Amino acid sequence: MSYEISSITVAHLQGFAAAVASVVREQIYLSFNEPPSAEMTRDFVLRNINGHWPHYVLLHDNGGEKTVIGWCDITPLERSIYAHVGVLGIGIIEAHRDKQLGKRLIQTALAAAKKKGLSRVQLTVRQHNYRAIRLYEQFGFVKEGLHVNAEKRDGQFENLISMALLYTENNGYDIMEHSND
């Protein structure tokens, strides 16, 4: 078994959609009740490709056939005032987790974000997703806030934590200087 990280292309579209659908069906990690439509997925991927936004797929080679088993993307916010900001999204299908692959994906995407000139990468993560929070912290992401009852699924509320990584001279910031804001 071998793994490869590749910039997403139109050829990966179907595999990417299948990987996203697999993670969405778990109803644990992504903020979707059902997988995005084929049209939404296509538009999302094309926007990232055409805008040169970091969007990588994780390919699993199992005897010559490569299958998309994960992804990491950093996407834009829609206003020019946020041109320096990207939003990180990541997912790996269940059978391929716990192999340090998420770390490799994030590392690749963050390097591309920095090269693109972004100075801030942000994300939200479910409050009880401790494994993901620890992973993000390894890259220098810091917790910025809590969104109470931000999601509701099957009548149950879930809190989200906002995290961000700032590309500054010291690759971060002093969280304490923001504690009284």
N, C-alpha and C. Protein backbone atom coordinates (compact mmCIF):
# COMPACT_ATOMS: atom_id res chain seq x y z
N MET A 1 0.84 -1.19 0.00
CA MET A 1 0.00 0.00 0.00
C MET A 1 0.88 1.24 0.00
N SER A 2 0.57 2.15 -0.90
CA SER A 2 1.29 3.41 -0.89
C SER A 2 0.30 4.55 -1.03
N TYR A 3 0.75 5.71 -0.57
CA TYR A 3 -0.08 6.91 -0.58
C TYR A 3 0.66 8.02 -1.31
N GLU A 4 -0.11 8.87 -1.96
CA GLU A 4 0.46 9.98 -2.71
C GLU A 4 -0.45 11.20 -2.53
N ILE A 5 0.15 12.35 -2.38
CA ILE A 5 -0.60 13.61 -2.32
C ILE A 5 -0.43 14.31 -3.65
N SER A 6 -1.56 14.74 -4.21
CA SER A 6 -1.55 15.37 -5.53
C SER A 6 -2.47 16.59 -5.52
N SER A 7 -2.11 17.62 -6.26
CA SER A 7 -3.04 18.73 -6.48
C SER A 7 -4.28 18.16 -7.16
N ILE A 8 -5.43 18.64 -6.75
CA ILE A 8 -6.66 18.12 -7.33
C ILE A 8 -6.77 18.55 -8.79
N THR A 9 -7.32 17.67 -9.61
CA THR A 9 -7.61 17.97 -11.01
C THR A 9 -9.05 17.54 -11.27
N VAL A 10 -9.54 17.89 -12.43
CA VAL A 10 -10.90 17.48 -12.81
C VAL A 10 -10.99 15.95 -12.83
N ALA A 11 -9.91 15.28 -13.16
CA ALA A 11 -9.91 13.82 -13.19
C ALA A 11 -10.18 13.22 -11.81
N HIS A 12 -9.92 13.96 -10.74
CA HIS A 12 -10.15 13.47 -9.38
C HIS A 12 -11.57 13.74 -8.88
N LEU A 13 -12.35 14.45 -9.67
CA LEU A 13 -13.65 14.93 -9.22
C LEU A 13 -14.54 13.83 -8.64
N GLN A 14 -14.71 12.75 -9.34
CA GLN A 14 -15.59 11.67 -8.90
C GLN A 14 -15.05 11.03 -7.62
N GLY A 15 -13.75 10.79 -7.56
CA GLY A 15 -13.15 10.20 -6.37
C GLY A 15 -13.23 11.13 -5.17
N PHE A 16 -13.02 12.43 -5.42
CA PHE A 16 -13.14 13.42 -4.35
C PHE A 16 -14.56 13.42 -3.80
N ALA A 17 -15.54 13.45 -4.69
CA ALA A 17 -16.95 13.44 -4.26
C ALA A 17 -17.26 12.20 -3.43
N ALA A 18 -16.73 11.06 -3.83
CA ALA A 18 -16.97 9.81 -3.09
C ALA A 18 -16.32 9.86 -1.70
N ALA A 19 -15.12 10.42 -1.62
CA ALA A 19 -14.44 10.52 -0.32
C ALA A 19 -15.20 11.47 0.61
N VAL A 20 -15.63 12.62 0.07
CA VAL A 20 -16.41 13.56 0.87
C VAL A 20 -17.69 12.89 1.35
N ALA A 21 -18.39 12.20 0.46
CA ALA A 21 -19.63 11.52 0.82
C ALA A 21 -19.40 10.51 1.93
N SER A 22 -18.30 9.79 1.86
CA SER A 22 -17.99 8.79 2.88
C SER A 22 -17.84 9.43 4.26
N VAL A 23 -17.11 10.55 4.32
CA VAL A 23 -16.91 11.23 5.60
C VAL A 23 -18.21 11.89 6.07
N VAL A 24 -18.98 12.47 5.15
CA VAL A 24 -20.26 13.09 5.52
C VAL A 24 -21.20 12.06 6.13
N ARG A 25 -21.25 10.87 5.56
CA ARG A 25 -22.16 9.82 6.06
C ARG A 25 -21.86 9.43 7.51
N GLU A 26 -20.65 9.66 7.97
CA GLU A 26 -20.32 9.37 9.37
C GLU A 26 -21.05 10.30 10.33
N GLN A 27 -21.42 11.49 9.84
CA GLN A 27 -22.15 12.47 10.65
C GLN A 27 -21.38 12.89 11.90
N ILE A 28 -20.06 12.92 11.81
CA ILE A 28 -19.23 13.27 12.96
C ILE A 28 -18.35 14.48 12.71
N TYR A 29 -17.76 14.57 11.52
CA TYR A 29 -16.69 15.54 11.30
C TYR A 29 -17.06 16.74 10.44
N LEU A 30 -17.88 16.56 9.44
CA LEU A 30 -18.17 17.64 8.50
C LEU A 30 -19.54 18.25 8.77
N SER A 31 -19.67 19.51 8.44
CA SER A 31 -20.92 20.24 8.68
C SER A 31 -21.89 20.09 7.51
N PHE A 32 -22.24 18.87 7.22
CA PHE A 32 -23.21 18.52 6.19
C PHE A 32 -24.13 17.45 6.75
N ASN A 33 -25.41 17.52 6.44
CA ASN A 33 -26.32 16.42 6.77
C ASN A 33 -26.31 15.36 5.68
N GLU A 34 -26.01 15.80 4.46
CA GLU A 34 -25.92 14.88 3.33
C GLU A 34 -24.81 15.39 2.42
N PRO A 35 -24.24 14.52 1.60
CA PRO A 35 -23.16 14.96 0.71
C PRO A 35 -23.61 16.07 -0.24
N PRO A 36 -22.70 16.97 -0.58
CA PRO A 36 -23.04 18.01 -1.56
C PRO A 36 -23.40 17.36 -2.90
N SER A 37 -24.21 18.06 -3.67
CA SER A 37 -24.60 17.56 -4.99
C SER A 37 -23.38 17.51 -5.91
N ALA A 38 -23.51 16.76 -6.98
CA ALA A 38 -22.43 16.68 -7.96
C ALA A 38 -22.10 18.05 -8.52
N GLU A 39 -23.12 18.87 -8.76
CA GLU A 39 -22.90 20.22 -9.29
C GLU A 39 -22.16 21.10 -8.28
N MET A 40 -22.57 21.04 -7.01
CA MET A 40 -21.88 21.83 -5.98
C MET A 40 -20.42 21.40 -5.85
N THR A 41 -20.19 20.10 -5.87
CA THR A 41 -18.83 19.59 -5.76
C THR A 41 -17.98 20.04 -6.95
N ARG A 42 -18.53 19.92 -8.15
CA ARG A 42 -17.82 20.34 -9.35
C ARG A 42 -17.48 21.83 -9.29
N ASP A 43 -18.46 22.66 -8.92
CA ASP A 43 -18.24 24.10 -8.83
C ASP A 43 -17.16 24.43 -7.79
N PHE A 44 -17.20 23.75 -6.66
CA PHE A 44 -16.21 23.95 -5.59
C PHE A 44 -14.81 23.62 -6.09
N VAL A 45 -14.66 22.48 -6.71
CA VAL A 45 -13.35 22.05 -7.20
C VAL A 45 -12.85 22.99 -8.29
N LEU A 46 -13.71 23.34 -9.23
CA LEU A 46 -13.29 24.23 -10.32
C LEU A 46 -12.90 25.61 -9.80
N ARG A 47 -13.64 26.13 -8.80
CA ARG A 47 -13.28 27.42 -8.22
C ARG A 47 -11.89 27.35 -7.59
N ASN A 48 -11.59 26.25 -6.92
CA ASN A 48 -10.27 26.12 -6.31
C ASN A 48 -9.17 25.99 -7.35
N ILE A 49 -9.43 25.18 -8.38
CA ILE A 49 -8.43 25.01 -9.44
C ILE A 49 -8.20 26.33 -10.17
N ASN A 50 -9.27 26.98 -10.60
CA ASN A 50 -9.14 28.23 -11.37
C ASN A 50 -8.56 29.37 -10.55
N GLY A 51 -8.79 29.38 -9.25
CA GLY A 51 -8.26 30.42 -8.38
C GLY A 51 -6.89 30.08 -7.81
N HIS A 52 -6.35 28.93 -8.19
CA HIS A 52 -5.04 28.48 -7.70
C HIS A 52 -5.02 28.39 -6.17
N TRP A 53 -6.12 27.92 -5.61
CA TRP A 53 -6.20 27.72 -4.16
C TRP A 53 -5.66 26.35 -3.81
N PRO A 54 -5.01 26.23 -2.67
CA PRO A 54 -4.47 24.92 -2.27
C PRO A 54 -5.61 23.90 -2.12
N HIS A 55 -5.57 22.86 -2.90
CA HIS A 55 -6.56 21.80 -2.81
C HIS A 55 -5.86 20.51 -3.24
N TYR A 56 -5.69 19.65 -2.28
CA TYR A 56 -4.94 18.41 -2.51
C TYR A 56 -5.81 17.21 -2.22
N VAL A 57 -5.54 16.14 -2.96
CA VAL A 57 -6.19 14.87 -2.68
C VAL A 57 -5.13 13.88 -2.24
N LEU A 58 -5.55 12.97 -1.40
CA LEU A 58 -4.72 11.88 -0.93
C LEU A 58 -5.13 10.64 -1.71
N LEU A 59 -4.17 10.09 -2.45
CA LEU A 59 -4.44 8.94 -3.30
C LEU A 59 -3.85 7.68 -2.67
N HIS A 60 -4.61 6.62 -2.72
CA HIS A 60 -4.15 5.32 -2.23
C HIS A 60 -3.93 4.42 -3.43
N ASP A 61 -2.73 3.91 -3.56
CA ASP A 61 -2.41 3.00 -4.67
C ASP A 61 -2.44 1.59 -4.12
N ASN A 62 -3.44 0.85 -4.53
CA ASN A 62 -3.59 -0.52 -4.07
C ASN A 62 -3.49 -1.45 -5.28
N GLY A 63 -2.26 -1.66 -5.71
CA GLY A 63 -2.05 -2.56 -6.83
C GLY A 63 -2.25 -1.93 -8.19
N GLY A 64 -1.91 -0.68 -8.34
CA GLY A 64 -1.98 -0.03 -9.64
C GLY A 64 -3.17 0.89 -9.84
N GLU A 65 -4.21 0.73 -9.07
CA GLU A 65 -5.37 1.62 -9.17
C GLU A 65 -5.32 2.65 -8.05
N LYS A 66 -5.33 3.93 -8.43
CA LYS A 66 -5.27 5.00 -7.43
C LYS A 66 -6.68 5.47 -7.11
N THR A 67 -6.96 5.52 -5.82
CA THR A 67 -8.27 5.92 -5.34
C THR A 67 -8.12 7.12 -4.41
N VAL A 68 -9.01 8.12 -4.53
CA VAL A 68 -9.00 9.26 -3.63
C VAL A 68 -9.56 8.80 -2.29
N ILE A 69 -8.75 8.95 -1.24
CA ILE A 69 -9.20 8.53 0.09
C ILE A 69 -9.18 9.68 1.10
N GLY A 70 -8.83 10.88 0.63
CA GLY A 70 -8.82 12.03 1.52
C GLY A 70 -8.51 13.30 0.75
N TRP A 71 -8.58 14.40 1.45
CA TRP A 71 -8.33 15.71 0.83
C TRP A 71 -7.99 16.74 1.91
N CYS A 72 -7.39 17.81 1.47
CA CYS A 72 -7.21 19.00 2.29
C CYS A 72 -7.26 20.19 1.35
N ASP A 73 -8.11 21.15 1.68
CA ASP A 73 -8.23 22.34 0.85
C ASP A 73 -8.17 23.57 1.73
N ILE A 74 -7.72 24.65 1.14
CA ILE A 74 -7.76 25.96 1.78
C ILE A 74 -8.46 26.87 0.79
N THR A 75 -9.63 27.33 1.19
CA THR A 75 -10.51 28.04 0.27
C THR A 75 -10.68 29.50 0.68
N PRO A 76 -11.09 30.34 -0.29
CA PRO A 76 -11.22 31.77 -0.01
C PRO A 76 -12.52 32.11 0.70
N LEU A 77 -12.49 33.24 1.37
CA LEU A 77 -13.73 33.89 1.79
C LEU A 77 -14.12 34.79 0.63
N GLU A 78 -15.36 35.13 0.50
CA GLU A 78 -15.85 35.72 -0.74
C GLU A 78 -15.71 37.24 -0.88
N ARG A 79 -15.11 37.91 0.06
CA ARG A 79 -14.97 39.37 -0.03
C ARG A 79 -13.51 39.76 -0.15
N SER A 80 -13.24 40.81 -0.90
CA SER A 80 -11.85 41.22 -1.13
C SER A 80 -11.14 41.63 0.15
N ILE A 81 -11.88 42.06 1.13
CA ILE A 81 -11.26 42.45 2.40
C ILE A 81 -10.62 41.24 3.10
N TYR A 82 -11.03 40.03 2.68
CA TYR A 82 -10.50 38.79 3.25
C TYR A 82 -9.54 38.09 2.30
N ALA A 83 -8.98 38.79 1.36
CA ALA A 83 -8.12 38.16 0.35
C ALA A 83 -6.89 37.48 0.96
N HIS A 84 -6.52 37.87 2.16
CA HIS A 84 -5.34 37.31 2.83
C HIS A 84 -5.68 36.06 3.66
N VAL A 85 -6.96 35.65 3.66
CA VAL A 85 -7.45 34.59 4.53
C VAL A 85 -7.88 33.38 3.72
N GLY A 86 -7.57 32.20 4.24
CA GLY A 86 -8.07 30.95 3.69
C GLY A 86 -8.71 30.13 4.79
N VAL A 87 -9.65 29.28 4.40
CA VAL A 87 -10.35 28.41 5.34
C VAL A 87 -9.96 26.97 5.05
N LEU A 88 -9.43 26.29 6.05
CA LEU A 88 -8.95 24.93 5.89
C LEU A 88 -10.08 23.92 6.09
N GLY A 89 -10.13 22.96 5.19
CA GLY A 89 -11.01 21.81 5.31
C GLY A 89 -10.22 20.55 5.02
N ILE A 90 -10.54 19.48 5.73
CA ILE A 90 -9.78 18.24 5.57
C ILE A 90 -10.68 17.06 5.89
N GLY A 91 -10.41 15.94 5.26
CA GLY A 91 -11.10 14.71 5.58
C GLY A 91 -10.35 13.52 5.02
N ILE A 92 -10.41 12.42 5.74
CA ILE A 92 -9.83 11.15 5.29
C ILE A 92 -10.84 10.07 5.60
N ILE A 93 -11.07 9.19 4.64
CA ILE A 93 -12.05 8.14 4.90
C ILE A 93 -11.54 7.24 6.03
N GLU A 94 -12.49 6.70 6.76
CA GLU A 94 -12.21 6.03 8.02
C GLU A 94 -11.13 4.95 7.95
N ALA A 95 -11.13 4.14 6.94
CA ALA A 95 -10.18 3.02 6.87
C ALA A 95 -8.72 3.46 6.76
N HIS A 96 -8.47 4.73 6.48
CA HIS A 96 -7.09 5.19 6.27
C HIS A 96 -6.65 6.22 7.31
N ARG A 97 -7.37 6.32 8.39
CA ARG A 97 -6.98 7.27 9.45
C ARG A 97 -5.91 6.65 10.34
N ASP A 98 -5.32 7.49 11.17
CA ASP A 98 -4.31 7.08 12.15
C ASP A 98 -3.03 6.57 11.51
N LYS A 99 -2.66 7.15 10.37
CA LYS A 99 -1.43 6.78 9.67
C LYS A 99 -0.58 8.01 9.39
N GLN A 100 -0.84 9.11 10.09
CA GLN A 100 -0.11 10.37 9.90
C GLN A 100 -0.38 11.01 8.55
N LEU A 101 -1.41 10.57 7.86
CA LEU A 101 -1.72 11.10 6.53
C LEU A 101 -2.34 12.50 6.62
N GLY A 102 -3.15 12.74 7.63
CA GLY A 102 -3.72 14.08 7.82
C GLY A 102 -2.64 15.11 8.04
N LYS A 103 -1.64 14.73 8.78
CA LYS A 103 -0.51 15.63 9.03
C LYS A 103 0.19 15.98 7.72
N ARG A 104 0.40 14.99 6.87
CA ARG A 104 1.05 15.22 5.57
C ARG A 104 0.20 16.12 4.69
N LEU A 105 -1.11 15.89 4.69
CA LEU A 105 -2.01 16.72 3.89
C LEU A 105 -1.98 18.17 4.35
N ILE A 106 -2.11 18.38 5.65
CA ILE A 106 -2.13 19.75 6.18
C ILE A 106 -0.81 20.45 5.89
N GLN A 107 0.29 19.75 6.09
CA GLN A 107 1.61 20.34 5.84
C GLN A 107 1.72 20.80 4.39
N THR A 108 1.25 19.98 3.46
CA THR A 108 1.30 20.32 2.04
C THR A 108 0.43 21.54 1.74
N ALA A 109 -0.79 21.53 2.26
CA ALA A 109 -1.71 22.64 2.00
C ALA A 109 -1.23 23.94 2.63
N LEU A 110 -0.71 23.89 3.84
CA LEU A 110 -0.22 25.11 4.50
C LEU A 110 0.99 25.70 3.78
N ALA A 111 1.86 24.85 3.27
CA ALA A 111 3.00 25.36 2.51
C ALA A 111 2.52 26.09 1.25
N ALA A 112 1.50 25.53 0.60
CA ALA A 112 0.95 26.18 -0.59
C ALA A 112 0.24 27.48 -0.24
N ALA A 113 -0.42 27.51 0.91
CA ALA A 113 -1.12 28.73 1.35
C ALA A 113 -0.11 29.85 1.60
N LYS A 114 0.98 29.50 2.23
CA LYS A 114 2.02 30.50 2.50
C LYS A 114 2.61 31.01 1.19
N LYS A 115 2.86 30.08 0.25
CA LYS A 115 3.41 30.46 -1.05
C LYS A 115 2.42 31.35 -1.81
N LYS A 116 1.14 31.11 -1.64
CA LYS A 116 0.11 31.91 -2.30
C LYS A 116 0.04 33.32 -1.72
N GLY A 117 0.61 33.52 -0.54
CA GLY A 117 0.62 34.84 0.07
C GLY A 117 -0.42 35.04 1.15
N LEU A 118 -1.07 33.97 1.57
CA LEU A 118 -2.04 34.11 2.65
C LEU A 118 -1.30 34.39 3.95
N SER A 119 -1.89 35.19 4.80
CA SER A 119 -1.29 35.47 6.10
C SER A 119 -2.13 34.91 7.24
N ARG A 120 -3.28 34.33 6.90
CA ARG A 120 -4.14 33.74 7.92
C ARG A 120 -4.86 32.54 7.32
N VAL A 121 -4.83 31.43 8.06
CA VAL A 121 -5.61 30.25 7.71
C VAL A 121 -6.46 29.94 8.93
N GLN A 122 -7.76 29.79 8.70
CA GLN A 122 -8.67 29.56 9.82
C GLN A 122 -9.51 28.33 9.57
N LEU A 123 -10.16 27.87 10.63
CA LEU A 123 -11.01 26.69 10.54
C LEU A 123 -11.95 26.68 11.73
N THR A 124 -12.96 25.83 11.64
CA THR A 124 -13.77 25.50 12.81
C THR A 124 -13.73 23.99 12.98
N VAL A 125 -13.81 23.57 14.21
CA VAL A 125 -13.75 22.16 14.56
C VAL A 125 -14.72 21.91 15.70
N ARG A 126 -15.36 20.77 15.68
CA ARG A 126 -16.29 20.43 16.77
C ARG A 126 -15.53 20.37 18.08
N GLN A 127 -16.17 20.89 19.12
CA GLN A 127 -15.52 21.03 20.42
C GLN A 127 -15.00 19.71 20.96
N HIS A 128 -15.63 18.61 20.65
CA HIS A 128 -15.21 17.32 21.20
C HIS A 128 -14.33 16.51 20.25
N ASN A 129 -13.87 17.11 19.19
CA ASN A 129 -12.98 16.43 18.26
C ASN A 129 -11.53 16.70 18.70
N TYR A 130 -11.18 16.09 19.83
CA TYR A 130 -9.89 16.35 20.47
C TYR A 130 -8.71 15.97 19.58
N ARG A 131 -8.85 14.88 18.85
CA ARG A 131 -7.75 14.43 17.99
C ARG A 131 -7.44 15.49 16.94
N ALA A 132 -8.46 16.04 16.30
CA ALA A 132 -8.24 17.07 15.28
C ALA A 132 -7.67 18.34 15.91
N ILE A 133 -8.18 18.72 17.06
CA ILE A 133 -7.68 19.93 17.73
C ILE A 133 -6.19 19.79 18.02
N ARG A 134 -5.77 18.64 18.55
CA ARG A 134 -4.34 18.41 18.82
C ARG A 134 -3.52 18.48 17.53
N LEU A 135 -4.05 17.93 16.45
CA LEU A 135 -3.35 17.99 15.17
C LEU A 135 -3.18 19.43 14.71
N TYR A 136 -4.23 20.21 14.75
CA TYR A 136 -4.14 21.61 14.33
C TYR A 136 -3.16 22.39 15.20
N GLU A 137 -3.17 22.12 16.50
CA GLU A 137 -2.25 22.82 17.40
C GLU A 137 -0.79 22.49 17.08
N GLN A 138 -0.52 21.29 16.58
CA GLN A 138 0.85 20.92 16.19
C GLN A 138 1.39 21.84 15.09
N PHE A 139 0.49 22.40 14.30
CA PHE A 139 0.90 23.29 13.22
C PHE A 139 0.88 24.76 13.64
N GLY A 140 0.53 25.03 14.88
CA GLY A 140 0.52 26.41 15.36
C GLY A 140 -0.84 27.07 15.38
N PHE A 141 -1.89 26.35 15.04
CA PHE A 141 -3.23 26.92 15.14
C PHE A 141 -3.53 27.17 16.62
N VAL A 142 -4.20 28.29 16.88
CA VAL A 142 -4.61 28.61 18.25
C VAL A 142 -6.13 28.77 18.28
N LYS A 143 -6.68 28.47 19.43
CA LYS A 143 -8.12 28.62 19.62
C LYS A 143 -8.43 30.10 19.76
N GLU A 144 -9.42 30.55 19.01
CA GLU A 144 -9.80 31.96 19.06
C GLU A 144 -11.18 32.18 19.66
N GLY A 145 -12.02 31.18 19.64
CA GLY A 145 -13.36 31.40 20.18
C GLY A 145 -14.20 30.15 20.13
N LEU A 146 -15.34 30.24 20.79
CA LEU A 146 -16.29 29.15 20.88
C LEU A 146 -17.63 29.61 20.31
N HIS A 147 -18.18 28.84 19.40
CA HIS A 147 -19.49 29.10 18.83
C HIS A 147 -20.47 28.13 19.50
N VAL A 148 -21.20 28.63 20.47
CA VAL A 148 -22.10 27.79 21.25
C VAL A 148 -23.33 27.43 20.42
N ASN A 149 -23.70 26.15 20.45
CA ASN A 149 -24.86 25.64 19.72
C ASN A 149 -24.80 25.99 18.23
N ALA A 150 -23.62 25.94 17.66
CA ALA A 150 -23.42 26.35 16.26
C ALA A 150 -24.04 25.38 15.27
N GLU A 151 -24.09 24.12 15.63
CA GLU A 151 -24.68 23.11 14.74
C GLU A 151 -25.79 22.38 15.49
N LYS A 152 -26.76 21.93 14.71
CA LYS A 152 -27.84 21.13 15.29
C LYS A 152 -28.10 19.96 14.35
N ARG A 153 -27.94 18.78 14.87
CA ARG A 153 -28.12 17.57 14.09
C ARG A 153 -28.96 16.60 14.92
N ASP A 154 -30.03 16.14 14.34
CA ASP A 154 -30.92 15.21 15.05
C ASP A 154 -31.34 15.74 16.41
N GLY A 155 -31.61 17.04 16.47
CA GLY A 155 -32.09 17.66 17.70
C GLY A 155 -31.01 17.94 18.73
N GLN A 156 -29.76 17.61 18.42
CA GLN A 156 -28.65 17.81 19.35
C GLN A 156 -27.77 18.96 18.89
N PHE A 157 -27.43 19.85 19.82
CA PHE A 157 -26.55 20.97 19.51
C PHE A 157 -25.09 20.55 19.66
N GLU A 158 -24.25 21.19 18.89
CA GLU A 158 -22.81 20.97 18.97
C GLU A 158 -22.12 22.33 18.93
N ASN A 159 -21.14 22.51 19.80
CA ASN A 159 -20.33 23.72 19.80
C ASN A 159 -19.17 23.57 18.83
N LEU A 160 -18.78 24.67 18.22
CA LEU A 160 -17.62 24.69 17.34
C LEU A 160 -16.56 25.62 17.93
N ILE A 161 -15.32 25.23 17.75
CA ILE A 161 -14.19 26.06 18.16
C ILE A 161 -13.59 26.69 16.90
N SER A 162 -13.36 27.99 16.95
CA SER A 162 -12.64 28.68 15.88
C SER A 162 -11.15 28.60 16.19
N MET A 163 -10.38 28.26 15.18
CA MET A 163 -8.93 28.22 15.33
C MET A 163 -8.32 28.95 14.13
N ALA A 164 -7.11 29.47 14.32
CA ALA A 164 -6.43 30.14 13.22
C ALA A 164 -4.93 30.01 13.37
N LEU A 165 -4.28 30.07 12.23
CA LEU A 165 -2.83 30.11 12.13
C LEU A 165 -2.49 31.40 11.41
N LEU A 166 -1.65 32.21 12.03
CA LEU A 166 -1.23 33.46 11.40
C LEU A 166 0.21 33.32 10.94
N TYR A 167 0.45 33.67 9.69
CA TYR A 167 1.81 33.69 9.17
C TYR A 167 2.38 35.08 9.42
N THR A 168 3.06 35.20 10.53
CA THR A 168 3.73 36.45 10.88
C THR A 168 5.20 36.13 11.09
N GLU A 169 5.94 37.11 11.50
CA GLU A 169 7.37 36.89 11.70
C GLU A 169 7.64 35.78 12.70
N ASN A 170 6.78 35.65 13.72
CA ASN A 170 6.97 34.58 14.69
C ASN A 170 6.00 33.43 14.46
N ASN A 171 5.35 33.41 13.28
CA ASN A 171 4.42 32.35 12.87
C ASN A 171 3.31 32.14 13.88
N GLY A 172 2.78 33.21 14.40
CA GLY A 172 1.69 33.12 15.35
C GLY A 172 1.49 34.44 16.03
N TYR A 173 0.76 34.41 17.12
CA TYR A 173 0.59 35.64 17.86
C TYR A 173 0.37 35.32 19.32
N ASP A 174 0.53 36.32 20.12
CA ASP A 174 0.35 36.17 21.54
C ASP A 174 -1.13 36.21 21.85
N ILE A 175 -1.71 35.09 22.15
CA ILE A 175 -3.15 35.00 22.41
C ILE A 175 -3.54 35.92 23.57
N MET A 176 -2.64 36.16 24.48
CA MET A 176 -2.96 36.98 25.65
C MET A 176 -3.24 38.42 25.26
N GLU A 177 -2.63 38.91 24.19
CA GLU A 177 -2.89 40.29 23.80
C GLU A 177 -4.32 40.47 23.32
N HIS A 178 -5.02 39.36 23.03
CA HIS A 178 -6.40 39.41 22.57
C HIS A 178 -7.40 39.01 23.66
N SER A 179 -6.89 38.68 24.85
CA SER A 179 -7.76 38.11 25.88
C SER A 179 -8.75 39.12 26.45
N ASN A 180 -8.50 40.40 26.31
CA ASN A 180 -9.41 41.41 26.86
C ASN A 180 -10.29 42.04 25.80
N ASP A 181 -10.22 41.53 24.57
CA ASP A 181 -11.05 42.10 23.49
C ASP A 181 -12.50 41.74 23.66
